Amino acid sequence: MDVRHHLSGFQSLNQRFQQTVNSGGFGIVLWVLLYAVIAGILLAGSNRSVIHCYKVGFPLWQAGENIYGNIGKWDGFACYFTFSLFFYAPLNLLPQPVDELVWRAITIGTFAWGIFSLVTLINPQRRGELFSLVSLITVPISFGAAQNGQSTLLLTGLTMHAMVAISNQQWWRAAALFGLGFFAKPLILVAWLLFAAVYRPLIWRSALIGAFIFLIPFLAATPEYALEQYMNCLTMLKAAGEETRSVFRFAHFFGIFHAFGLMFPKILEQSVQLLSAVGVLGLSLLAFRKQGHIQALVTIFALSNLYLMLMSPRNEGNTYAMLAPSLGLWFAYSIDRETKSWSRETSFLAVIAFLILGNYEIGKLLAPGIPPVWLAPAATTLLVVYLAVKTLRINQAVQSRERIPTEPQLEIKQAA
């Protein structure tokens, strides 16, 4: 009797949990918990934050100084275009730690809202369940970026909102969302250019918005001073590029080899980056022509982030938060919908997520004395190989008219 009672209680608890997952409540709890934990850490006096890097530019601009400080010491508005200082200027109006808390609310909120909007676009009937499952993968991987206050989450959230706008053929809205992300950080440029190359109505709208953003500094100061800061920006970017071959703290494909002391000629690395960019563009165009409308959007989104993770020479471990929503979607669609059981693919994707999450800690454990930046790009490279083989098998099956399962296969709501 007791055994039956406990078993019945367990089944009831499991049903309630499943209802929470299906409604999206589980996902909401994860995001609220993420913000609450980080807010608690900040209020406890943690100084782990990059917000000072965002705020430093505007006071220097107001003083008429070089906003990039001492090149190489990274004590100025480092690694950002000149116009971005105006995006972050309002943060200077807020006292600490209010600025930290408000900024985390903006970045985390935009990111979570972007995921919810994307899964709603993909499958409105399952949006709660998908939001919970994608959040299960995304929240842990995003913790480092969220704790540091990095704008990575904001950019990814804006990209997902832009994808929804593209699906609805709201071209100005999509271009404006990409432009807002570019205003904040140039990292979104890869996704912006890729989507614009595939969806032609974005091209001239994006060009106009981008041109206006570049002109903003000239509207806020003398042309001579604004031009000088752009020249300083170019000097800073050149120094930032050179640093990637002398400081082994960047988590990209060649960073795997750099960490273990193996250097390749610069021209070789740049050639691979260029060829990869061409390949990503080709695959994106192919997805646009061969896949369903929304499936193509999701594929292009994943390709842009895979390229950034592996080919951006200044990619960091926390930046892998940009890849997390795609990984979460693949994970969600690999789970058997009826039995809720994990497939081999589910386990594989969970391991990939775990390795990316443990890039620093597990990397140190597996290779003591080696800069712990190699594990996340290695896991992502393995993911790319897996997806390539899977795609090849699917294509061969189509050619031979065989039927091979194609999970993770999104249930697409075709555009009208």
Foldseek 3Di string as FASTA:
>chain_A
DVVVVVVVVVVVVVVVVVVCLQQLVLLVVLLVVLLVVLVVCVVVPDPQACLCLLAQQPVCVVVLHQQQPDQPVRPGNFQAANLLNVVSPVLVVDDPPVSVSVLLCQLSVLLLVLLLLLLCQQPVNRSSNLSNLLSVLLSLLQSSCSSHSPNLSVLLSLQSVLLSCVLVVVQLSSLVSLLSSSSNHVLSVLLLVLVCVQVVVNVVSNVVSVVVSLCVVVVVDPPVSSVVNNVVNVVNVVSVVVVLQVDLAAQAQVSLVVLVPDDDPPVVLVVVLVVLSVVLSVVLNVCCVPHFPSSSSLSNQLSSLLSCRHNVSRHHLSSCSSNSSSLSLLLSLQQDPPVRDHDPSNVLSVVLSVQSSCQQPVQCVVDPPGNSNHRNNVSSVVVVVVVVVLVVVVVVCVVVVHDDDNGVDGNGDHRD
